[in-house]
């Protein structure tokens, strides 16, 4: 999966870039359809904000997290996106697994 990391009013260090890539590899195991993710990191006074966007077939997933530490914000962001990808996969798989219109009738009554 290609992870694009950008920073608003901050420089992205190689350590931050590798940390984001390492954490986002967890999302890649959740779905084989993931090909690209865009992460934007902000620092506003004492708040660190991480935003992430994933394009999946049929939907776009977006999440953000605000923490006092940038690494904690990245962890929270990946947790939120992981839940969204899991929910998206469940919707896709459960949608076509209905009983096909067959109803259980009691013929003895």
PDB file of N, CA and C in Angstrom:
ATOM      1  N   UNK A   1       0.850  -1.171   0.000  1.00  0.00           N
ATOM      2  CA  UNK A   1       0.000   0.000   0.000  1.00  0.00           C
ATOM      3  C   UNK A   1       0.893   1.231   0.000  1.00  0.00           C
ATOM      4  N   UNK A   2       0.537   2.196  -0.807  1.00  0.00           N
ATOM      5  CA  UNK A   2       1.259   3.454  -0.881  1.00  0.00           C
ATOM      6  C   UNK A   2       0.693   4.407   0.166  1.00  0.00           C
ATOM      7  N   UNK A   3       1.545   4.897   1.057  1.00  0.00           N
ATOM      8  CA  UNK A   3       1.131   5.827   2.102  1.00  0.00           C
ATOM      9  C   UNK A   3       1.785   7.169   1.805  1.00  0.00           C
ATOM     10  N   UNK A   4       0.962   8.162   1.537  1.00  0.00           N
ATOM     11  CA  UNK A   4       1.435   9.514   1.250  1.00  0.00           C
ATOM     12  C   UNK A   4       1.298  10.342   2.522  1.00  0.00           C
ATOM     13  N   UNK A   5       2.402  10.832   3.057  1.00  0.00           N
ATOM     14  CA  UNK A   5       2.402  11.587   4.304  1.00  0.00           C
ATOM     15  C   UNK A   5       2.822  13.024   3.999  1.00  0.00           C
ATOM     16  N   UNK A   6       1.970  13.976   4.378  1.00  0.00           N
ATOM     17  CA  UNK A   6       2.294  15.384   4.216  1.00  0.00           C
ATOM     18  C   UNK A   6       2.109  16.090   5.546  1.00  0.00           C
ATOM     19  N   UNK A   7       2.744  17.234   5.673  1.00  0.00           N
ATOM     20  CA  UNK A   7       2.640  18.013   6.901  1.00  0.00           C
ATOM     21  C   UNK A   7       2.238  19.437   6.609  1.00  0.00           C
ATOM     22  N   UNK A   8       1.368  19.981   7.439  1.00  0.00           N
ATOM     23  CA  UNK A   8       0.986  21.380   7.334  1.00  0.00           C
ATOM     24  C   UNK A   8       1.736  22.150   8.404  1.00  0.00           C
ATOM     25  N   UNK A   9       2.557  23.069   7.975  1.00  0.00           N
ATOM     26  CA  UNK A   9       3.363  23.910   8.841  1.00  0.00           C
ATOM     27  C   UNK A   9       4.283  23.101   9.743  1.00  0.00           C
ATOM     28  N   UNK A  10       4.767  21.988   9.223  1.00  0.00           N
ATOM     29  CA  UNK A  10       5.746  21.179   9.946  1.00  0.00           C
ATOM     30  C   UNK A  10       6.510  20.327   8.944  1.00  0.00           C
ATOM     31  N   UNK A  11       7.712  19.958   9.315  1.00  0.00           N
ATOM     32  CA  UNK A  11       8.517  19.068   8.482  1.00  0.00           C
ATOM     33  C   UNK A  11       8.270  17.633   8.905  1.00  0.00           C
ATOM     34  N   UNK A  12       8.133  16.754   7.932  1.00  0.00           N
ATOM     35  CA  UNK A  12       7.929  15.339   8.218  1.00  0.00           C
ATOM     36  C   UNK A  12       9.307  14.685   8.307  1.00  0.00           C
ATOM     37  N   UNK A  13       9.635  14.197   9.472  1.00  0.00           N
ATOM     38  CA  UNK A  13      10.920  13.534   9.669  1.00  0.00           C
ATOM     39  C   UNK A  13      10.839  12.104   9.159  1.00  0.00           C
ATOM     40  N   UNK A  14      11.972  11.517   8.836  1.00  0.00           N
ATOM     41  CA  UNK A  14      11.959  10.099   8.411  1.00  0.00           C
ATOM     42  C   UNK A  14      11.384   9.178   9.493  1.00  0.00           C
ATOM     43  N   UNK A  15      11.589   9.526  10.756  1.00  0.00           N
ATOM     44  CA  UNK A  15      11.040   8.705  11.841  1.00  0.00           C
ATOM     45  C   UNK A  15       9.513   8.737  11.829  1.00  0.00           C
ATOM     46  N   UNK A  16       8.924   9.931  11.630  1.00  0.00           N
ATOM     47  CA  UNK A  16       7.462  10.033  11.560  1.00  0.00           C
ATOM     48  C   UNK A  16       6.924   9.288  10.344  1.00  0.00           C
ATOM     49  N   UNK A  17       7.607   9.436   9.202  1.00  0.00           N
ATOM     50  CA  UNK A  17       7.162   8.776   7.976  1.00  0.00           C
ATOM     51  C   UNK A  17       7.182   7.253   8.132  1.00  0.00           C
ATOM     52  N   UNK A  18       8.240   6.716   8.726  1.00  0.00           N
ATOM     53  CA  UNK A  18       8.318   5.266   8.899  1.00  0.00           C
ATOM     54  C   UNK A  18       7.311   4.783   9.939  1.00  0.00           C
ATOM     55  N   UNK A  19       7.045   5.595  10.972  1.00  0.00           N
ATOM     56  CA  UNK A  19       6.060   5.215  11.990  1.00  0.00           C
ATOM     57  C   UNK A  19       4.664   5.130  11.377  1.00  0.00           C
ATOM     58  N   UNK A  20       4.313   6.103  10.544  1.00  0.00           N
ATOM     59  CA  UNK A  20       3.006   6.088   9.883  1.00  0.00           C
ATOM     60  C   UNK A  20       2.900   4.877   8.959  1.00  0.00           C
ATOM     61  N   UNK A  21       3.930   4.602   8.190  1.00  0.00           N
ATOM     62  CA  UNK A  21       3.905   3.452   7.279  1.00  0.00           C
ATOM     63  C   UNK A  21       3.779   2.137   8.031  1.00  0.00           C
ATOM     64  N   UNK A  22       4.485   2.037   9.152  1.00  0.00           N
ATOM     65  CA  UNK A  22       4.423   0.818   9.971  1.00  0.00           C
ATOM     66  C   UNK A  22       3.026   0.609  10.539  1.00  0.00           C
ATOM     67  N   UNK A  23       2.423   1.678  11.050  1.00  0.00           N
ATOM     68  CA  UNK A  23       1.081   1.564  11.628  1.00  0.00           C
ATOM     69  C   UNK A  23       0.023   1.280  10.559  1.00  0.00           C
ATOM     70  N   UNK A  24       0.189   1.855   9.380  1.00  0.00           N
ATOM     71  CA  UNK A  24      -0.797   1.668   8.312  1.00  0.00           C
ATOM     72  C   UNK A  24      -0.712   0.293   7.681  1.00  0.00           C
ATOM     73  N   UNK A  25       0.372  -0.417   7.911  1.00  0.00           N
ATOM     74  CA  UNK A  25       0.458  -1.783   7.382  1.00  0.00           C
ATOM     75  C   UNK A  25      -0.588  -2.681   8.036  1.00  0.00           C
ATOM     76  N   UNK A  26      -1.043  -2.313   9.233  1.00  0.00           N
ATOM     77  CA  UNK A  26      -2.119  -3.054   9.902  1.00  0.00           C
ATOM     78  C   UNK A  26      -3.410  -2.972   9.107  1.00  0.00           C
ATOM     79  N   UNK A  27      -3.652  -1.824   8.471  1.00  0.00           N
ATOM     80  CA  UNK A  27      -4.862  -1.663   7.665  1.00  0.00           C
ATOM     81  C   UNK A  27      -4.805  -2.515   6.403  1.00  0.00           C
ATOM     82  N   UNK A  28      -3.608  -2.692   5.885  1.00  0.00           N
ATOM     83  CA  UNK A  28      -3.434  -3.471   4.656  1.00  0.00           C
ATOM     84  C   UNK A  28      -3.823  -4.930   4.877  1.00  0.00           C
ATOM     85  N   UNK A  29      -3.602  -5.432   6.065  1.00  0.00           N
ATOM     86  CA  UNK A  29      -3.994  -6.820   6.369  1.00  0.00           C
ATOM     87  C   UNK A  29      -5.504  -6.969   6.448  1.00  0.00           C
ATOM     88  N   UNK A  30      -6.196  -5.871   6.761  1.00  0.00           N
ATOM     89  CA  UNK A  30      -7.645  -5.905   6.931  1.00  0.00           C
ATOM     90  C   UNK A  30      -8.375  -6.009   5.586  1.00  0.00           C
ATOM     91  N   UNK A  31      -7.814  -5.400   4.541  1.00  0.00           N
ATOM     92  CA  UNK A  31      -8.488  -5.403   3.247  1.00  0.00           C
ATOM     93  C   UNK A  31      -7.462  -5.452   2.127  1.00  0.00           C
ATOM     94  N   UNK A  32      -7.704  -6.306   1.142  1.00  0.00           N
ATOM     95  CA  UNK A  32      -6.793  -6.417   0.009  1.00  0.00           C
ATOM     96  C   UNK A  32      -7.052  -5.325  -1.027  1.00  0.00           C
ATOM     97  N   UNK A  33      -8.132  -4.585  -0.906  1.00  0.00           N
ATOM     98  CA  UNK A  33      -8.495  -3.545  -1.868  1.00  0.00           C
ATOM     99  C   UNK A  33      -7.775  -2.223  -1.609  1.00  0.00           C
ATOM    100  N   UNK A  34      -7.076  -2.101  -0.494  1.00  0.00           N
ATOM    101  CA  UNK A  34      -6.381  -0.853  -0.179  1.00  0.00           C
ATOM    102  C   UNK A  34      -5.159  -0.697  -1.068  1.00  0.00           C
ATOM    103  N   UNK A  35      -5.072   0.439  -1.732  1.00  0.00           N
ATOM    104  CA  UNK A  35      -3.905   0.677  -2.566  1.00  0.00           C
ATOM    105  C   UNK A  35      -3.201   1.973  -2.187  1.00  0.00           C
ATOM    106  N   UNK A  36      -3.960   2.970  -1.696  1.00  0.00           N
ATOM    107  CA  UNK A  36      -3.362   4.256  -1.381  1.00  0.00           C
ATOM    108  C   UNK A  36      -4.044   4.882  -0.176  1.00  0.00           C
ATOM    109  N   UNK A  37      -3.232   5.520   0.647  1.00  0.00           N
ATOM    110  CA  UNK A  37      -3.731   6.230   1.818  1.00  0.00           C
ATOM    111  C   UNK A  37      -3.013   7.566   1.899  1.00  0.00           C
ATOM    112  N   UNK A  38      -3.743   8.605   2.238  1.00  0.00           N
ATOM    113  CA  UNK A  38      -3.156   9.933   2.372  1.00  0.00           C
ATOM    114  C   UNK A  38      -3.284  10.373   3.834  1.00  0.00           C
ATOM    115  N   UNK A  39      -2.173  10.745   4.443  1.00  0.00           N
ATOM    116  CA  UNK A  39      -2.145  11.173   5.840  1.00  0.00           C
ATOM    117  C   UNK A  39      -1.602  12.594   5.888  1.00  0.00           C
ATOM    118  N   UNK A  40      -2.310  13.468   6.614  1.00  0.00           N
ATOM    119  CA  UNK A  40      -1.884  14.846   6.803  1.00  0.00           C
ATOM    120  C   UNK A  40      -1.665  15.067   8.296  1.00  0.00           C
ATOM    121  N   UNK A  41      -0.505  15.592   8.647  1.00  0.00           N
ATOM    122  CA  UNK A  41      -0.156  15.861  10.043  1.00  0.00           C
ATOM    123  C   UNK A  41      -0.087  17.367  10.265  1.00  0.00           C
ATOM    124  N   UNK A  42      -0.734  17.844  11.352  1.00  0.00           N
ATOM    125  CA  UNK A  42      -0.761  19.269  11.710  1.00  0.00           C
ATOM    126  C   UNK A  42      -0.221  19.430  13.127  1.00  0.00           C
ATOM    127  N   UNK A  43       0.338  20.576  13.401  1.00  0.00           N
ATOM    128  CA  UNK A  43       0.659  20.963  14.775  1.00  0.00           C
ATOM    129  C   UNK A  43       0.085  22.359  14.988  1.00  0.00           C
ATOM    130  N   UNK A  44      -0.822  22.481  15.955  1.00  0.00           N
ATOM    131  CA  UNK A  44      -1.446  23.759  16.288  1.00  0.00           C
ATOM    132  C   UNK A  44      -1.244  24.004  17.775  1.00  0.00           C
ATOM    133  N   UNK A  45      -0.353  24.895  18.106  1.00  0.00           N
ATOM    134  CA  UNK A  45      -0.004  25.206  19.485  1.00  0.00           C
ATOM    135  C   UNK A  45       0.375  23.930  20.226  1.00  0.00           C
ATOM    136  N   UNK A  46      -0.447  23.487  21.151  1.00  0.00           N
ATOM    137  CA  UNK A  46      -0.116  22.283  21.923  1.00  0.00           C
ATOM    138  C   UNK A  46      -0.867  21.048  21.453  1.00  0.00           C
ATOM    139  N   UNK A  47      -1.581  21.168  20.330  1.00  0.00           N
ATOM    140  CA  UNK A  47      -2.370  20.041  19.826  1.00  0.00           C
ATOM    141  C   UNK A  47      -1.746  19.489  18.556  1.00  0.00           C
ATOM    142  N   UNK A  48      -1.666  18.195  18.482  1.00  0.00           N
ATOM    143  CA  UNK A  48      -1.185  17.512  17.280  1.00  0.00           C
ATOM    144  C   UNK A  48      -2.375  16.816  16.642  1.00  0.00           C
ATOM    145  N   UNK A  49      -2.536  17.020  15.355  1.00  0.00           N
ATOM    146  CA  UNK A  49      -3.687  16.475  14.646  1.00  0.00           C
ATOM    147  C   UNK A  49      -3.209  15.617  13.490  1.00  0.00           C
ATOM    148  N   UNK A  50      -3.819  14.458  13.349  1.00  0.00           N
ATOM    149  CA  UNK A  50      -3.534  13.544  12.247  1.00  0.00           C
ATOM    150  C   UNK A  50      -4.841  13.266  11.512  1.00  0.00           C
ATOM    151  N   UNK A  51      -4.822  13.437  10.200  1.00  0.00           N
ATOM    152  CA  UNK A  51      -5.989  13.161   9.364  1.00  0.00           C
ATOM    153  C   UNK A  51      -5.602  12.111   8.344  1.00  0.00           C
ATOM    154  N   UNK A  52      -6.543  11.232   8.041  1.00  0.00           N
ATOM    155  CA  UNK A  52      -6.266  10.183   7.071  1.00  0.00           C
ATOM    156  C   UNK A  52      -7.444   9.956   6.147  1.00  0.00           C
ATOM    157  N   UNK A  53      -7.143   9.635   4.890  1.00  0.00           N
ATOM    158  CA  UNK A  53      -8.179   9.370   3.893  1.00  0.00           C
ATOM    159  C   UNK A  53      -7.790   8.133   3.107  1.00  0.00           C
ATOM    160  N   UNK A  54      -8.752   7.230   2.955  1.00  0.00           N
ATOM    161  CA  UNK A  54      -8.555   6.005   2.189  1.00  0.00           C
ATOM    162  C   UNK A  54      -9.649   5.936   1.129  1.00  0.00           C
ATOM    163  N   UNK A  55      -9.256   5.660  -0.101  1.00  0.00           N
ATOM    164  CA  UNK A  55     -10.213   5.460  -1.184  1.00  0.00           C
ATOM    165  C   UNK A  55     -10.399   3.967  -1.388  1.00  0.00           C
ATOM    166  N   UNK A  56     -11.630   3.511  -1.179  1.00  0.00           N
ATOM    167  CA  UNK A  56     -11.994   2.113  -1.414  1.00  0.00           C
ATOM    168  C   UNK A  56     -13.043   2.059  -2.518  1.00  0.00           C
ATOM    169  N   UNK A  57     -13.162   0.945  -3.186  1.00  0.00           N
ATOM    170  CA  UNK A  57     -14.229   0.824  -4.183  1.00  0.00           C
ATOM    171  C   UNK A  57     -15.596   0.992  -3.521  1.00  0.00           C
ATOM    172  N   UNK A  58     -16.327   1.999  -3.933  1.00  0.00           N
ATOM    173  CA  UNK A  58     -17.660   2.214  -3.385  1.00  0.00           C
ATOM    174  C   UNK A  58     -17.728   3.214  -2.257  1.00  0.00           C
ATOM    175  N   UNK A  59     -16.608   3.640  -1.693  1.00  0.00           N
ATOM    176  CA  UNK A  59     -16.667   4.618  -0.611  1.00  0.00           C
ATOM    177  C   UNK A  59     -15.294   5.228  -0.348  1.00  0.00           C
ATOM    178  N   UNK A  60     -15.319   6.363   0.329  1.00  0.00           N
ATOM    179  CA  UNK A  60     -14.109   7.021   0.803  1.00  0.00           C
ATOM    180  C   UNK A  60     -14.183   7.050   2.319  1.00  0.00           C
ATOM    181  N   UNK A  61     -13.124   6.647   2.966  1.00  0.00           N
ATOM    182  CA  UNK A  61     -13.080   6.638   4.423  1.00  0.00           C
ATOM    183  C   UNK A  61     -12.200   7.782   4.894  1.00  0.00           C
ATOM    184  N   UNK A  62     -12.665   8.507   5.909  1.00  0.00           N
ATOM    185  CA  UNK A  62     -11.921   9.627   6.455  1.00  0.00           C
ATOM    186  C   UNK A  62     -11.990   9.571   7.971  1.00  0.00           C
ATOM    187  N   UNK A  63     -10.879   9.887   8.612  1.00  0.00           N
ATOM    188  CA  UNK A  63     -10.846   9.969  10.073  1.00  0.00           C
ATOM    189  C   UNK A  63      -9.792  10.985  10.471  1.00  0.00           C
ATOM    190  N   UNK A  64      -9.966  11.540  11.662  1.00  0.00           N
ATOM    191  CA  UNK A  64      -8.953  12.420  12.219  1.00  0.00           C
ATOM    192  C   UNK A  64      -8.864  12.193  13.712  1.00  0.00           C
ATOM    193  N   UNK A  65      -7.727  12.565  14.276  1.00  0.00           N
ATOM    194  CA  UNK A  65      -7.499  12.390  15.704  1.00  0.00           C
ATOM    195  C   UNK A  65      -6.654  13.551  16.203  1.00  0.00           C
ATOM    196  N   UNK A  66      -6.996  14.058  17.392  1.00  0.00           N
ATOM    197  CA  UNK A  66      -6.265  15.158  18.006  1.00  0.00           C
ATOM    198  C   UNK A  66      -5.764  14.689  19.366  1.00  0.00           C
ATOM    199  N   UNK A  67      -4.472  14.815  19.574  1.00  0.00           N
ATOM    200  CA  UNK A  67      -3.842  14.415  20.840  1.00  0.00           C
ATOM    201  C   UNK A  67      -2.748  15.425  21.171  1.00  0.00           C
ATOM    202  N   UNK A  68      -2.154  15.277  22.337  1.00  0.00           N
ATOM    203  CA  UNK A  68      -1.049  16.147  22.725  1.00  0.00           C
ATOM    204  C   UNK A  68       0.277  15.674  22.135  1.00  0.00           C
ATOM    205  N   UNK A  69       0.356  14.410  21.770  1.00  0.00           N
ATOM    206  CA  UNK A  69       1.562  13.829  21.198  1.00  0.00           C
ATOM    207  C   UNK A  69       1.253  13.357  19.783  1.00  0.00           C
ATOM    208  N   UNK A  70       2.148  13.603  18.846  1.00  0.00           N
ATOM    209  CA  UNK A  70       1.912  13.233  17.446  1.00  0.00           C
ATOM    210  C   UNK A  70       1.816  11.722  17.279  1.00  0.00           C
ATOM    211  N   UNK A  71       2.634  10.975  17.987  1.00  0.00           N
ATOM    212  CA  UNK A  71       2.587   9.518  17.874  1.00  0.00           C
ATOM    213  C   UNK A  71       1.263   8.967  18.414  1.00  0.00           C
ATOM    214  N   UNK A  72       0.735   9.566  19.466  1.00  0.00           N
ATOM    215  CA  UNK A  72      -0.566   9.151  19.995  1.00  0.00           C
ATOM    216  C   UNK A  72      -1.679   9.497  19.010  1.00  0.00           C
ATOM    217  N   UNK A  73      -1.561  10.640  18.336  1.00  0.00           N
ATOM    218  CA  UNK A  73      -2.561  11.021  17.338  1.00  0.00           C
ATOM    219  C   UNK A  73      -2.545  10.047  16.160  1.00  0.00           C
ATOM    220  N   UNK A  74      -1.364   9.614  15.749  1.00  0.00           N
ATOM    221  CA  UNK A  74      -1.257   8.641  14.654  1.00  0.00           C
ATOM    222  C   UNK A  74      -1.862   7.309  15.073  1.00  0.00           C
ATOM    223  N   UNK A  75      -1.604   6.877  16.300  1.00  0.00           N
ATOM    224  CA  UNK A  75      -2.188   5.626  16.804  1.00  0.00           C
ATOM    225  C   UNK A  75      -3.709   5.697  16.813  1.00  0.00           C
ATOM    226  N   UNK A  76      -4.259   6.812  17.305  1.00  0.00           N
ATOM    227  CA  UNK A  76      -5.715   6.967  17.361  1.00  0.00           C
ATOM    228  C   UNK A  76      -6.306   7.012  15.959  1.00  0.00           C
ATOM    229  N   UNK A  77      -5.623   7.664  15.029  1.00  0.00           N
ATOM    230  CA  UNK A  77      -6.088   7.739  13.647  1.00  0.00           C
ATOM    231  C   UNK A  77      -6.164   6.351  13.024  1.00  0.00           C
ATOM    232  N   UNK A  78      -5.120   5.566  13.192  1.00  0.00           N
ATOM    233  CA  UNK A  78      -5.101   4.223  12.605  1.00  0.00           C
ATOM    234  C   UNK A  78      -6.169   3.342  13.247  1.00  0.00           C
ATOM    235  N   UNK A  79      -6.412   3.488  14.543  1.00  0.00           N
ATOM    236  CA  UNK A  79      -7.480   2.728  15.198  1.00  0.00           C
ATOM    237  C   UNK A  79      -8.841   3.070  14.602  1.00  0.00           C
ATOM    238  N   UNK A  80      -9.092   4.346  14.385  1.00  0.00           N
ATOM    239  CA  UNK A  80     -10.375   4.760  13.812  1.00  0.00           C
ATOM    240  C   UNK A  80     -10.540   4.241  12.384  1.00  0.00           C
ATOM    241  N   UNK A  81      -9.499   4.366  11.585  1.00  0.00           N
ATOM    242  CA  UNK A  81      -9.584   3.877  10.209  1.00  0.00           C
ATOM    243  C   UNK A  81      -9.715   2.358  10.156  1.00  0.00           C
ATOM    244  N   UNK A  82      -9.079   1.665  11.093  1.00  0.00           N
ATOM    245  CA  UNK A  82      -9.183   0.207  11.154  1.00  0.00           C
ATOM    246  C   UNK A  82     -10.629  -0.214  11.413  1.00  0.00           C
ATOM    247  N   UNK A  83     -11.293   0.476  12.333  1.00  0.00           N
ATOM    248  CA  UNK A  83     -12.703   0.165  12.603  1.00  0.00           C
ATOM    249  C   UNK A  83     -13.569   0.438  11.377  1.00  0.00           C
ATOM    250  N   UNK A  84     -13.282   1.530  10.660  1.00  0.00           N
ATOM    251  CA  UNK A  84     -14.080   1.855   9.477  1.00  0.00           C
ATOM    252  C   UNK A  84     -13.869   0.836   8.356  1.00  0.00           C
ATOM    253  N   UNK A  85     -12.630   0.402   8.152  1.00  0.00           N
ATOM    254  CA  UNK A  85     -12.358  -0.601   7.114  1.00  0.00           C
ATOM    255  C   UNK A  85     -13.033  -1.919   7.472  1.00  0.00           C
ATOM    256  N   UNK A  86     -12.987  -2.288   8.742  1.00  0.00           N
ATOM    257  CA  UNK A  86     -13.634  -3.525   9.189  1.00  0.00           C
ATOM    258  C   UNK A  86     -15.140  -3.457   8.952  1.00  0.00           C
ATOM    259  N   UNK A  87     -15.749  -2.327   9.284  1.00  0.00           N
ATOM    260  CA  UNK A  87     -17.188  -2.148   9.081  1.00  0.00           C
ATOM    261  C   UNK A  87     -17.530  -2.158   7.587  1.00  0.00           C
ATOM    262  N   UNK A  88     -16.697  -1.538   6.775  1.00  0.00           N
ATOM    263  CA  UNK A  88     -16.920  -1.530   5.323  1.00  0.00           C
ATOM    264  C   UNK A  88     -16.875  -2.939   4.760  1.00  0.00           C
ATOM    265  N   UNK A  89     -15.915  -3.746   5.218  1.00  0.00           N
ATOM    266  CA  UNK A  89     -15.817  -5.128   4.739  1.00  0.00           C
ATOM    267  C   UNK A  89     -17.007  -5.957   5.175  1.00  0.00           C
ATOM    268  N   UNK A  90     -17.495  -5.749   6.389  1.00  0.00           N
ATOM    269  CA  UNK A  90     -18.659  -6.499   6.865  1.00  0.00           C
ATOM    270  C   UNK A  90     -19.898  -6.141   6.063  1.00  0.00           C
ATOM    271  N   UNK A  91     -20.051  -4.875   5.716  1.00  0.00           N
ATOM    272  CA  UNK A  91     -21.203  -4.472   4.907  1.00  0.00           C
ATOM    273  C   UNK A  91     -21.156  -5.130   3.536  1.00  0.00           C
ATOM    274  N   UNK A  92     -19.971  -5.176   2.927  1.00  0.00           N
ATOM    275  CA  UNK A  92     -19.849  -5.769   1.596  1.00  0.00           C
ATOM    276  C   UNK A  92     -20.128  -7.266   1.627  1.00  0.00           C
ATOM    277  N   UNK A  93     -19.699  -7.965   2.666  1.00  0.00           N
ATOM    278  CA  UNK A  93     -19.875  -9.417   2.719  1.00  0.00           C
ATOM    279  C   UNK A  93     -21.272  -9.811   3.177  1.00  0.00           C
ATOM    280  N   UNK A  94     -21.873  -9.070   4.085  1.00  0.00           N
ATOM    281  CA  UNK A  94     -23.186  -9.427   4.607  1.00  0.00           C
ATOM    282  C   UNK A  94     -24.318  -9.022   3.672  1.00  0.00           C
ATOM    283  N   UNK A  95     -24.062  -8.133   2.743  1.00  0.00           N
ATOM    284  CA  UNK A  95     -25.106  -7.630   1.867  1.00  0.00           C
ATOM    285  C   UNK A  95     -25.691  -8.721   0.971  1.00  0.00           C
ATOM    286  N   UNK A  96     -24.884  -9.632   0.508  1.00  0.00           N
ATOM    287  CA  UNK A  96     -25.345 -10.647  -0.433  1.00  0.00           C
ATOM    288  C   UNK A  96     -25.574 -12.010   0.211  1.00  0.00           C
ATOM    289  N   UNK A  97     -25.567 -12.091   1.498  1.00  0.00           N
ATOM    290  CA  UNK A  97     -25.736 -13.375   2.165  1.00  0.00           C
ATOM    291  C   UNK A  97     -27.122 -13.522   2.786  1.00  0.00           C
ATOM    292  N   UNK A  98     -28.130 -13.009   2.107  1.00  0.00           N
ATOM    293  CA  UNK A  98     -29.484 -13.202   2.608  1.00  0.00           C
ATOM    294  C   UNK A  98     -29.954 -14.610   2.236  1.00  0.00           C
ATOM    295  N   UNK A  99     -31.137 -14.952   2.640  1.00  0.00           N
ATOM    296  CA  UNK A  99     -31.627 -16.306   2.392  1.00  0.00           C
ATOM    297  C   UNK A  99     -32.248 -16.458   1.010  1.00  0.00           C
ATOM    298  N   UNK A 100     -32.140 -15.463   0.187  1.00  0.00           N
ATOM    299  CA  UNK A 100     -32.614 -15.580  -1.189  1.00  0.00           C
ATOM    300  C   UNK A 100     -34.120 -15.621  -1.325  1.00  0.00           C
ATOM    301  N   UNK A 101     -34.842 -15.044  -0.392  1.00  0.00           N
ATOM    302  CA  UNK A 101     -36.285 -14.992  -0.504  1.00  0.00           C
ATOM    303  C   UNK A 101     -36.988 -16.242   0.001  1.00  0.00           C
ATOM    304  N   UNK A 102     -36.272 -17.245   0.460  1.00  0.00           N
ATOM    305  CA  UNK A 102     -36.900 -18.454   0.979  1.00  0.00           C
ATOM    306  C   UNK A 102     -37.394 -18.199   2.397  1.00  0.00           C
ATOM    307  N   UNK A 103     -38.624 -18.562   2.634  1.00  0.00           N
ATOM    308  CA  UNK A 103     -39.205 -18.343   3.952  1.00  0.00           C
ATOM    309  C   UNK A 103     -39.520 -19.700   4.572  1.00  0.00           C
ATOM    310  N   UNK A 104     -39.415 -19.750   5.864  1.00  0.00           N
ATOM    311  CA  UNK A 104     -39.677 -20.974   6.581  1.00  0.00           C
ATOM    312  C   UNK A 104     -41.149 -21.001   6.980  1.00  0.00           C
ATOM    313  N   UNK A 105     -41.963 -21.738   6.236  1.00  0.00           N
ATOM    314  CA  UNK A 105     -43.367 -21.853   6.521  1.00  0.00           C
ATOM    315  C   UNK A 105     -43.640 -23.162   7.259  1.00  0.00           C
ATOM    316  N   UNK A 106     -44.598 -23.121   8.157  1.00  0.00           N
ATOM    317  CA  UNK A 106     -44.996 -24.316   8.884  1.00  0.00           C
ATOM    318  C   UNK A 106     -46.170 -24.937   8.115  1.00  0.00           C
ATOM    319  N   UNK A 107     -45.924 -26.044   7.429  1.00  0.00           N
ATOM    320  CA  UNK A 107     -46.944 -26.665   6.588  1.00  0.00           C
ATOM    321  C   UNK A 107     -47.883 -27.572   7.378  1.00  0.00           C
ATOM    322  N   UNK A 108     -47.572 -27.878   8.626  1.00  0.00           N
ATOM    323  CA  UNK A 108     -48.406 -28.773   9.416  1.00  0.00           C
ATOM    324  C   UNK A 108     -49.580 -28.064  10.054  1.00  0.00           C
ATOM    325  N   UNK A 109     -49.612 -26.775  10.073  1.00  0.00           N
ATOM    326  CA  UNK A 109     -50.646 -26.039  10.781  1.00  0.00           C
ATOM    327  C   UNK A 109     -51.925 -25.963  10.041  1.00  0.00           C
TER     328      UNK A 109
END
